[in-house]
Amino acid sequence: MPRNISPVELICLLLMAILMLPGVNAEAGHTGQPVTQCVLAPTGDCVEKLLQSMTLEEKIGQMLMIGIQGTDVDEESLFMLHQYHIGGIILFDRNMKTQEQVKQLNAHLQEQAEEKLPLFIAVDEEGGVVARMKEQLPPPPSAQEIGETGQPGNARLWAEKTACALRDIGFNVNLAPVADIGTGRGRSFGNTPAVVTEFVRSAADGYEQEDFIYCLKHFPGLGRGKVDTHLDSTVVDASRRELMKWDVMPFQSIIREKTPADYFIMVNHATYSRLEKNVPASISKVIQTDFLRGKLEYQGVIITDDIAMGALSKYYAPSDVALRAVRAGADIILSCHVYQNGADAYHRLLRAVEKGEISEERINASLRRILRVKLAHLANVSGQQ
């Protein structure tokens, strides 16, 4: 459908199309068909009609992004997709052998998911040490190497190249760029807010040029962290004012300048003791709802870092993390490695709504944000070129 038809004609055509879908009404259940009719119009009406067509179980499934085992769809991964209505998949080296194999795997995942909307299929392709399938898919330079060129345009160039390479093998989300300031292992563009902001902005421009979903991480900034949150908890002793003047600047710049349906923000597992004592950011309402959504006015999707990382798993069960994260303001729960963690998260959220611990309207608020992203980028999400 061409993009230059009038907005009124487009909206009318798309709403007519969605109304003609089987089962699209307030009581409807699973249709098994991607709603490609809405690709160009993530309007409020379109989002609401899709939302009304979904069961509570489908809604909660859309809030989960899980890792799978193996290099193709198998009985276990199909069970997870169908039983829990999973909305997103993340792949790792264990899933990726050759470009053709990954392309086939991603196509099979989309074909067999059988949900109303296609899957988010994500990967961590930052460049440098954090990149997948390096022998088969040459990685970008590290953020540090790109920053050291002194040319922000290089960040845009590599974002465009990365988006094209990932799209060619069936991905539609890159969990990059890193917006932290002065992190180790080459993962930061620089050591000052001005430099990091400029390069992150340029990288965002590159992903948007290719109409590819990207993710700023790790809010509100991990540069001050002293312990790797994959291993254990870390405490950042900084006031909100200090964070605003330093760590948060790259995130704030993108929030002010970019469309929220184009990207995610990932929250980290560090504890910011002067914002909320003893509560990691990924389960902190003060940080996610009050700070990120309230102070910074971010209206897009919030995704957690992996809920089984040491900073959380040593202190909380994954299912408790899922519920706490959603209560705090998160929209997507990331569970990268163990099927049971994803299943437990699903059941915990479902029970919480059924028991009145959390309202269905809170779930709907997350779904609206997720649906807007999927509808805005459906051509890429569905694997179409």
Protein backbone atom coordinates (compact mmCIF):
# COMPACT_ATOMS: atom_id res chain seq x y z
CA MET A 1 0.00 0.00 0.00
CA PRO A 2 1.62 3.31 -1.01
CA ARG A 3 2.48 5.81 1.70
CA ASN A 4 1.32 8.87 -0.25
CA ILE A 5 -2.42 8.25 -0.10
CA SER A 6 -4.36 10.66 2.05
CA PRO A 7 -4.38 10.02 5.82
CA VAL A 8 -8.17 9.87 5.89
CA GLU A 9 -8.30 7.28 3.07
CA LEU A 10 -5.56 5.24 4.72
CA ILE A 11 -7.18 5.14 8.12
CA CYS A 12 -10.55 4.23 6.67
CA LEU A 13 -9.09 1.42 4.56
CA LEU A 14 -7.11 0.02 7.44
CA LEU A 15 -9.94 0.11 9.94
CA MET A 16 -12.22 -1.58 7.40
CA ALA A 17 -9.56 -4.23 6.91
CA ILE A 18 -9.14 -4.92 10.60
CA LEU A 19 -12.88 -5.09 11.13
CA MET A 20 -13.04 -7.76 8.41
CA LEU A 21 -10.50 -9.95 10.20
CA PRO A 22 -12.05 -13.10 11.69
CA GLY A 23 -12.83 -12.72 15.35
CA VAL A 24 -11.93 -9.06 15.76
CA ASN A 25 -14.33 -7.89 18.44
CA ALA A 26 -14.34 -7.35 22.17
CA GLU A 27 -14.78 -11.08 22.88
CA ALA A 28 -12.55 -12.41 20.13
CA GLY A 29 -9.73 -14.83 20.75
CA HIS A 30 -6.77 -16.01 18.74
CA THR A 31 -7.04 -15.56 14.97
CA GLY A 32 -3.70 -17.01 13.90
CA GLN A 33 -3.17 -14.21 11.37
CA PRO A 34 -0.72 -11.29 11.51
CA VAL A 35 -2.60 -8.00 11.22
CA THR A 36 -0.66 -6.64 8.28
CA GLN A 37 -3.54 -4.35 7.36
CA CYS A 38 -2.46 -1.91 10.07
CA VAL A 39 1.18 -1.63 9.07
CA LEU A 40 1.01 2.01 8.02
CA ALA A 41 -1.42 3.31 10.60
CA PRO A 42 -0.65 2.68 14.25
CA THR A 43 -3.50 5.04 15.11
CA GLY A 44 -5.33 5.09 18.42
CA ASP A 45 -8.41 3.48 16.89
CA CYS A 46 -6.43 0.72 15.24
CA VAL A 47 -4.50 -0.04 18.42
CA GLU A 48 -7.68 -0.09 20.49
CA LYS A 49 -9.45 -2.47 18.12
CA LEU A 50 -6.51 -4.84 18.21
CA LEU A 51 -6.37 -4.58 21.98
CA GLN A 52 -10.07 -5.41 22.26
CA SER A 53 -9.55 -8.49 20.07
CA MET A 54 -6.98 -9.99 22.47
CA THR A 55 -7.53 -12.25 25.44
CA LEU A 56 -5.76 -11.54 28.72
CA GLU A 57 -3.50 -14.51 28.03
CA GLU A 58 -2.51 -13.09 24.65
CA LYS A 59 -1.81 -9.70 26.17
CA ILE A 60 0.52 -11.10 28.81
CA GLY A 61 2.33 -13.19 26.22
CA GLN A 62 3.07 -10.05 24.23
CA MET A 63 4.91 -8.73 27.30
CA LEU A 64 7.45 -11.56 27.24
CA MET A 65 10.63 -11.83 25.18
CA ILE A 66 12.34 -15.18 25.66
CA GLY A 67 15.41 -17.04 24.48
CA ILE A 68 15.04 -20.44 22.84
CA GLN A 69 17.31 -23.48 22.59
CA GLY A 70 18.54 -24.98 19.35
CA THR A 71 18.99 -23.84 15.79
CA ASP A 72 15.45 -24.37 14.54
CA VAL A 73 11.93 -24.45 15.91
CA ASP A 74 11.33 -27.62 17.92
CA GLU A 75 8.62 -29.01 20.19
CA GLU A 76 9.80 -27.07 23.23
CA SER A 77 10.01 -23.72 21.50
CA LEU A 78 6.66 -24.29 19.77
CA PHE A 79 5.11 -25.13 23.13
CA MET A 80 6.39 -21.85 24.58
CA LEU A 81 5.17 -19.85 21.60
CA HIS A 82 1.68 -21.36 21.59
CA GLN A 83 1.06 -22.06 25.27
CA TYR A 84 2.20 -18.62 26.42
CA HIS A 85 1.44 -16.51 23.31
CA ILE A 86 5.02 -15.23 23.32
CA GLY A 87 5.47 -11.81 21.74
CA GLY A 88 9.24 -11.71 21.32
CA ILE A 89 12.30 -13.93 20.85
CA ILE A 90 15.97 -13.16 21.46
CA LEU A 91 18.68 -15.25 19.80
CA PHE A 92 22.22 -16.04 20.96
CA ASP A 93 25.22 -17.83 19.49
CA ARG A 94 23.71 -21.16 20.56
CA ASN A 95 20.96 -20.52 17.98
CA MET A 96 23.13 -19.13 15.20
CA LYS A 97 25.44 -21.15 12.95
CA THR A 98 25.20 -19.64 9.47
CA GLN A 99 23.34 -16.71 7.98
CA GLU A 100 21.11 -18.98 5.92
CA GLN A 101 20.29 -21.13 8.95
CA VAL A 102 19.40 -18.04 11.04
CA LYS A 103 17.27 -16.66 8.25
CA GLN A 104 15.39 -19.96 8.09
CA LEU A 105 15.02 -20.13 11.89
CA ASN A 106 13.59 -16.62 12.06
CA ALA A 107 11.21 -17.33 9.19
CA HIS A 108 10.02 -20.50 10.92
CA LEU A 109 9.50 -18.62 14.17
CA GLN A 110 7.34 -16.03 12.44
CA GLU A 111 5.41 -18.62 10.44
CA GLN A 112 4.66 -20.85 13.42
CA ALA A 113 4.03 -18.28 16.15
CA GLU A 114 0.33 -18.10 15.15
CA GLU A 115 -0.41 -14.85 16.94
CA LYS A 116 -2.32 -11.79 15.75
CA LEU A 117 0.92 -9.85 15.44
CA PRO A 118 4.38 -10.97 14.34
CA LEU A 119 7.15 -11.57 16.81
CA PHE A 120 9.81 -9.15 17.83
CA ILE A 121 12.98 -11.10 16.98
CA ALA A 122 15.93 -9.48 18.71
CA VAL A 123 19.67 -9.83 19.04
CA ASP A 124 22.49 -8.04 20.88
CA GLU A 125 24.62 -6.77 18.00
CA GLU A 126 26.42 -3.86 19.66
CA GLY A 127 29.77 -4.51 17.99
CA GLY A 128 33.14 -5.27 19.54
CA VAL A 129 32.94 -7.89 22.29
CA VAL A 130 29.12 -7.94 22.30
CA ALA A 131 28.19 -9.38 18.92
CA ARG A 132 26.77 -12.68 17.72
CA MET A 133 27.97 -15.23 15.18
CA LYS A 134 31.14 -13.24 14.53
CA GLU A 135 32.65 -15.69 12.04
CA GLN A 136 29.53 -15.67 9.88
CA LEU A 137 28.31 -12.10 10.45
CA PRO A 138 31.24 -9.69 10.68
CA PRO A 139 30.48 -7.42 13.66
CA PRO A 140 30.60 -3.64 13.71
CA PRO A 141 33.50 -2.00 15.52
CA SER A 142 32.98 -1.48 19.23
CA ALA A 143 31.25 1.70 20.35
CA GLN A 144 34.57 2.86 21.79
CA GLU A 145 36.33 2.42 18.45
CA ILE A 146 33.58 4.32 16.67
CA GLY A 147 33.70 7.10 19.27
CA GLU A 148 37.46 7.40 18.97
CA THR A 149 37.11 8.34 15.29
CA GLY A 150 35.63 11.64 16.44
CA GLN A 151 33.07 11.39 13.63
CA PRO A 152 29.47 10.81 14.80
CA GLY A 153 28.54 10.01 11.21
CA ASN A 154 30.38 6.72 11.62
CA ALA A 155 27.85 5.68 14.27
CA ARG A 156 25.07 6.32 11.80
CA LEU A 157 26.88 4.45 9.03
CA TRP A 158 27.43 1.37 11.18
CA ALA A 159 23.86 1.46 12.47
CA GLU A 160 22.58 1.45 8.90
CA LYS A 161 24.90 -1.40 7.93
CA THR A 162 23.97 -3.40 11.02
CA ALA A 163 20.24 -2.89 10.49
CA CYS A 164 20.49 -4.05 6.87
CA ALA A 165 22.56 -7.12 7.78
CA LEU A 166 20.19 -8.12 10.58
CA ARG A 167 17.04 -7.54 8.51
CA ASP A 168 18.45 -9.74 5.74
CA ILE A 169 18.44 -12.72 8.12
CA GLY A 170 15.09 -12.03 9.71
CA PHE A 171 15.72 -9.85 12.75
CA ASN A 172 13.67 -6.74 13.46
CA VAL A 173 15.10 -5.49 16.79
CA ASN A 174 18.68 -4.72 17.77
CA LEU A 175 19.26 -4.31 21.50
CA ALA A 176 21.69 -1.47 20.84
CA PRO A 177 23.11 1.19 21.02
CA VAL A 178 24.58 1.45 24.49
CA ALA A 179 23.88 4.93 25.86
CA ASP A 180 25.96 4.50 29.02
CA ILE A 181 28.86 6.85 29.65
CA GLY A 182 32.33 5.47 30.28
CA THR A 183 31.51 1.78 30.63
CA GLY A 184 34.26 -0.78 30.14
CA ARG A 185 34.94 -3.43 27.51
CA GLY A 186 34.63 -0.90 24.70
CA ARG A 187 30.85 -0.69 25.06
CA SER A 188 30.57 3.11 25.39
CA PHE A 189 31.03 5.75 22.71
CA GLY A 190 32.90 7.96 25.15
CA ASN A 191 33.50 9.26 28.65
CA THR A 192 31.46 12.47 28.59
CA PRO A 193 27.73 13.15 28.14
CA ALA A 194 28.31 15.41 25.15
CA VAL A 195 30.26 12.81 23.18
CA VAL A 196 28.01 9.87 24.01
CA THR A 197 24.86 11.89 23.28
CA GLU A 198 26.14 12.92 19.86
CA PHE A 199 27.11 9.40 18.83
CA VAL A 200 23.96 7.80 20.22
CA ARG A 201 21.85 10.34 18.35
CA SER A 202 23.70 9.53 15.14
CA ALA A 203 23.27 5.78 15.67
CA ALA A 204 19.55 6.32 16.26
CA ASP A 205 19.36 8.24 12.98
CA GLY A 206 20.95 5.28 11.21
CA TYR A 207 18.49 2.75 12.58
CA GLU A 208 15.58 5.04 11.75
CA GLN A 209 16.88 5.52 8.23
CA GLU A 210 16.55 1.76 7.82
CA ASP A 211 13.19 1.63 9.66
CA PHE A 212 14.69 -0.77 12.19
CA ILE A 213 13.76 -0.97 15.87
CA TYR A 214 16.63 -0.15 18.23
CA CYS A 215 17.07 -0.06 21.99
CA LEU A 216 18.87 2.43 24.23
CA LYS A 217 20.51 0.76 27.21
CA HIS A 218 20.98 0.61 30.18
CA PHE A 219 18.78 3.27 31.82
CA PRO A 220 19.47 5.33 33.89
CA GLY A 221 23.09 4.64 32.95
CA LEU A 222 25.59 1.98 34.06
CA GLY A 223 28.77 4.01 33.75
CA ARG A 224 29.06 4.47 37.52
CA GLY A 225 28.46 0.78 38.30
CA LYS A 226 31.40 -1.06 39.86
CA VAL A 227 30.10 -4.64 39.58
CA ASP A 228 28.91 -6.48 36.46
CA THR A 229 25.17 -6.96 37.00
CA HIS A 230 25.39 -10.29 35.16
CA LEU A 231 27.17 -11.49 38.29
CA ASP A 232 25.82 -9.55 41.26
CA SER A 233 24.18 -6.35 42.41
CA THR A 234 25.87 -2.97 42.22
CA VAL A 235 24.95 0.28 43.94
CA VAL A 236 25.21 3.70 42.29
CA ASP A 237 25.43 6.51 44.83
CA ALA A 238 24.27 9.49 42.77
CA SER A 239 21.42 11.94 43.20
CA ARG A 240 18.80 12.42 40.53
CA ARG A 241 20.32 15.83 39.81
CA GLU A 242 23.74 14.24 39.26
CA LEU A 243 22.24 11.58 37.03
CA MET A 244 20.39 14.21 35.00
CA LYS A 245 23.58 16.21 34.45
CA TRP A 246 25.61 13.20 33.37
CA ASP A 247 24.28 9.66 32.94
CA VAL A 248 20.78 10.44 31.68
CA MET A 249 21.70 13.02 29.04
CA PRO A 250 21.96 10.61 26.06
CA PHE A 251 18.59 9.04 26.94
CA GLN A 252 16.95 12.41 27.45
CA SER A 253 18.19 13.67 24.10
CA ILE A 254 16.62 10.75 22.22
CA ILE A 255 13.39 11.00 24.19
CA ARG A 256 13.07 14.68 23.27
CA GLU A 257 13.90 14.22 19.60
CA LYS A 258 12.63 10.81 18.49
CA THR A 259 9.28 9.12 17.99
CA PRO A 260 8.64 6.69 20.88
CA ALA A 261 7.35 3.94 18.57
CA ASP A 262 10.79 3.68 16.95
CA TYR A 263 12.81 2.37 19.89
CA PHE A 264 12.86 0.70 23.30
CA ILE A 265 14.63 1.74 26.47
CA MET A 266 16.18 -1.05 28.53
CA VAL A 267 16.38 -0.58 32.30
CA ASN A 268 19.32 -2.11 34.14
CA HIS A 269 19.58 -4.03 37.41
CA ALA A 270 21.78 -1.60 39.35
CA THR A 271 20.43 -0.01 42.52
CA TYR A 272 20.38 3.78 42.63
CA SER A 273 20.42 4.21 46.37
CA ARG A 274 19.57 7.91 46.43
CA LEU A 275 16.51 7.39 44.24
CA GLU A 276 15.14 4.23 45.80
CA LYS A 277 17.16 2.37 48.39
CA ASN A 278 17.67 -1.40 47.99
CA VAL A 279 15.50 -1.60 44.86
CA PRO A 280 17.15 -2.33 41.46
CA ALA A 281 16.14 -0.02 38.61
CA SER A 282 14.43 -2.84 36.72
CA ILE A 283 11.87 -3.27 39.52
CA SER A 284 11.80 0.34 40.74
CA LYS A 285 8.63 2.38 40.25
CA VAL A 286 10.55 5.50 41.29
CA ILE A 287 12.99 5.03 38.42
CA GLN A 288 10.68 3.72 35.70
CA THR A 289 7.35 5.43 36.32
CA ASP A 290 8.28 8.54 38.27
CA PHE A 291 11.63 9.31 36.62
CA LEU A 292 11.61 7.82 33.11
CA ARG A 293 7.92 8.25 32.33
CA GLY A 294 7.20 11.20 34.61
CA LYS A 295 10.26 13.46 34.66
CA LEU A 296 11.58 12.55 31.21
CA GLU A 297 8.12 12.03 29.63
CA TYR A 298 9.09 8.83 27.82
CA GLN A 299 6.04 7.24 26.19
CA GLY A 300 7.62 4.24 24.52
CA VAL A 301 8.37 0.63 25.44
CA ILE A 302 10.43 -0.15 28.54
CA ILE A 303 12.16 -3.54 28.46
CA THR A 304 14.04 -5.10 31.36
CA ASP A 305 17.49 -6.57 31.15
CA ASP A 306 17.50 -10.37 31.53
CA ILE A 307 15.59 -11.24 34.70
CA ALA A 308 17.95 -14.14 35.52
CA MET A 309 21.10 -12.02 35.82
CA GLY A 310 22.96 -12.32 39.09
CA ALA A 311 21.98 -8.86 40.33
CA LEU A 312 18.42 -10.15 40.63
CA SER A 313 18.52 -13.94 40.67
CA LYS A 314 20.49 -14.02 43.93
CA TYR A 315 17.71 -12.16 45.69
CA TYR A 316 14.43 -12.69 43.80
CA ALA A 317 12.64 -15.50 41.98
CA PRO A 318 12.20 -14.74 38.25
CA SER A 319 8.42 -14.77 38.59
CA ASP A 320 8.60 -12.16 41.37
CA VAL A 321 10.92 -10.04 39.25
CA ALA A 322 8.38 -10.13 36.41
CA LEU A 323 5.54 -8.91 38.60
CA ARG A 324 7.66 -6.27 40.33
CA ALA A 325 8.96 -5.02 36.99
CA VAL A 326 5.48 -4.62 35.52
CA ARG A 327 4.27 -2.88 38.67
CA ALA A 328 7.27 -0.57 38.35
CA GLY A 329 6.39 0.34 34.76
CA ALA A 330 8.10 -2.20 32.48
CA ASP A 331 6.33 -3.33 29.31
CA ILE A 332 8.47 -6.28 28.21
CA ILE A 333 10.10 -8.85 30.47
CA LEU A 334 13.32 -10.28 29.04
CA SER A 335 14.09 -13.91 29.94
CA CYS A 336 17.01 -15.10 27.88
CA HIS A 337 18.01 -18.63 28.75
CA VAL A 338 15.65 -20.87 30.75
CA TYR A 339 12.20 -21.76 29.45
CA GLN A 340 10.83 -22.25 32.95
CA ASN A 341 11.66 -18.65 33.88
CA GLY A 342 9.52 -17.37 31.01
CA ALA A 343 6.69 -19.74 31.88
CA ASP A 344 6.82 -18.75 35.56
CA ALA A 345 6.78 -15.07 34.64
CA TYR A 346 3.72 -15.60 32.45
CA HIS A 347 1.82 -17.50 35.12
CA ARG A 348 2.72 -15.00 37.83
CA LEU A 349 1.46 -12.06 35.78
CA LEU A 350 -1.70 -13.91 34.79
CA ARG A 351 -2.48 -14.83 38.40
CA ALA A 352 -1.76 -11.30 39.55
CA VAL A 353 -4.39 -9.89 37.20
CA GLU A 354 -6.91 -12.61 38.02
CA LYS A 355 -6.44 -11.98 41.76
CA GLY A 356 -6.62 -8.21 41.43
CA GLU A 357 -2.98 -7.65 42.43
CA ILE A 358 -2.53 -5.69 39.22
CA SER A 359 -5.26 -4.32 36.98
CA GLU A 360 -5.90 -5.39 33.42
CA GLU A 361 -5.80 -1.72 32.49
CA ARG A 362 -2.15 -1.69 33.62
CA ILE A 363 -1.53 -4.59 31.22
CA ASN A 364 -3.43 -2.72 28.50
CA ALA A 365 -1.19 0.32 28.95
CA SER A 366 1.85 -1.80 28.11
CA LEU A 367 0.06 -3.46 25.20
CA ARG A 368 -0.76 -0.09 23.66
CA ARG A 369 2.92 0.78 23.62
CA ILE A 370 3.93 -2.62 22.25
CA LEU A 371 1.23 -2.57 19.56
CA ARG A 372 2.25 0.89 18.39
CA VAL A 373 5.80 -0.34 17.79
CA LYS A 374 4.71 -3.51 16.02
CA LEU A 375 2.24 -1.69 13.82
CA ALA A 376 4.69 1.07 12.97
CA HIS A 377 7.35 -1.44 11.89
CA LEU A 378 5.28 -4.39 10.73
CA ALA A 379 6.93 -4.62 7.31
CA ASN A 380 10.22 -5.41 9.02
CA VAL A 381 8.67 -7.43 11.84
CA SER A 382 6.90 -9.78 9.46
CA GLY A 383 10.09 -10.38 7.51
CA GLN A 384 8.90 -8.57 4.40
CA GLN A 385 11.45 -6.56 2.46
